[in-house]
């Protein structure tokens, strides 16, 4: 696996055409460890361990939660305001 991580990171960097790609390992205690980096990301370093609720990853988690739409618990479809959408009759 250790031999594949640099290839995976480099390939994703190439496909995404981005400055850097980071591969993180999620530990059972919910800490994240940066295993591999392709490109240059000055905000993190290889081997860095981030605890839950810390750093930029926490900010991304908060922003992602704010942007997420709730999943309806019923079969009826919902729009962005989470109000049921009336189905049109096909008769």
Protein backbone atom coordinates (compact mmCIF):
# COMPACT_ATOMS: atom_id res chain seq x y z
CA UNK A 1 0.00 0.00 0.00
CA UNK A 2 2.84 2.38 0.81
CA UNK A 3 4.07 2.11 -2.79
CA UNK A 4 0.60 2.94 -4.18
CA UNK A 5 -0.09 6.09 -2.16
CA UNK A 6 2.33 8.34 -4.09
CA UNK A 7 0.89 7.09 -7.39
CA UNK A 8 -2.70 7.61 -6.25
CA UNK A 9 -1.99 11.13 -4.98
CA UNK A 10 -0.10 12.09 -8.14
CA UNK A 11 -2.82 10.71 -10.42
CA UNK A 12 -5.57 12.60 -8.59
CA UNK A 13 -3.48 15.77 -8.77
CA UNK A 14 -3.11 15.25 -12.52
CA UNK A 15 -6.82 14.50 -13.07
CA UNK A 16 -8.00 17.42 -10.93
CA UNK A 17 -5.31 19.78 -12.27
CA UNK A 18 -4.85 21.19 -8.78
CA UNK A 19 -1.92 22.50 -6.75
CA UNK A 20 -1.90 19.64 -4.22
CA UNK A 21 -3.66 16.45 -3.18
CA UNK A 22 -3.53 15.12 0.38
CA UNK A 23 -4.34 11.56 1.43
CA UNK A 24 -5.52 11.30 5.04
CA UNK A 25 -5.95 8.23 7.23
CA UNK A 26 -8.89 8.23 9.64
CA UNK A 27 -7.93 6.52 12.91
CA UNK A 28 -10.47 4.77 15.20
CA UNK A 29 -10.28 7.70 17.65
CA UNK A 30 -11.38 10.00 14.77
CA UNK A 31 -7.99 11.71 14.46
CA UNK A 32 -6.71 12.22 10.93
CA UNK A 33 -3.12 11.59 9.86
CA UNK A 34 -1.70 12.99 6.64
CA UNK A 35 -0.11 9.99 4.93
CA UNK A 36 0.83 11.35 1.55
CA UNK A 37 0.93 14.62 -0.36
CA UNK A 38 1.36 15.28 -4.07
CA UNK A 39 2.19 18.86 -4.96
CA UNK A 40 2.67 21.74 -2.54
CA UNK A 41 0.19 22.50 0.25
CA UNK A 42 1.81 24.78 2.80
CA UNK A 43 -1.12 24.42 5.23
CA UNK A 44 -0.23 20.82 6.20
CA UNK A 45 2.78 18.50 6.45
CA UNK A 46 3.29 14.76 6.01
CA UNK A 47 2.70 12.94 9.28
CA UNK A 48 0.52 15.72 10.68
CA UNK A 49 -2.18 14.48 13.05
CA UNK A 50 -5.39 16.49 13.44
CA UNK A 51 -7.76 15.81 16.30
CA UNK A 52 -11.54 16.12 15.87
CA UNK A 53 -12.61 19.76 16.05
CA UNK A 54 -9.21 21.20 15.10
CA UNK A 55 -7.71 23.02 12.14
CA UNK A 56 -8.88 23.64 8.63
CA UNK A 57 -10.58 20.26 8.45
CA UNK A 58 -13.00 21.35 11.16
CA UNK A 59 -13.78 24.50 9.18
CA UNK A 60 -14.48 22.41 6.07
CA UNK A 61 -16.71 20.10 8.11
CA UNK A 62 -18.72 23.06 9.39
CA UNK A 63 -19.04 24.59 5.91
CA UNK A 64 -20.03 21.27 4.37
CA UNK A 65 -22.71 20.73 7.00
CA UNK A 66 -24.11 24.23 6.33
CA UNK A 67 -24.33 23.51 2.58
CA UNK A 68 -25.82 20.03 2.84
CA UNK A 69 -29.48 19.52 2.03
CA UNK A 70 -31.49 17.34 4.39
CA UNK A 71 -32.48 13.97 3.00
CA UNK A 72 -36.24 13.45 3.06
CA UNK A 73 -37.35 10.60 5.32
CA UNK A 74 -40.46 9.91 3.28
CA UNK A 75 -40.95 8.76 -0.29
CA UNK A 76 -42.30 12.17 -1.28
CA UNK A 77 -39.75 14.41 -2.94
CA UNK A 78 -38.74 17.65 -1.28
CA UNK A 79 -37.35 20.86 -2.69
CA UNK A 80 -34.46 22.92 -1.23
CA UNK A 81 -36.72 24.35 1.51
CA UNK A 82 -37.58 20.78 2.59
CA UNK A 83 -41.27 21.24 1.83
CA UNK A 84 -43.07 18.37 0.11
CA UNK A 85 -43.45 18.72 -3.64
CA UNK A 86 -46.91 17.93 -5.01
CA UNK A 87 -46.88 15.26 -7.70
CA UNK A 88 -48.76 16.00 -10.88
CA UNK A 89 -51.39 13.54 -11.99
CA UNK A 90 -50.59 11.65 -15.18
CA UNK A 91 -54.28 11.03 -16.06
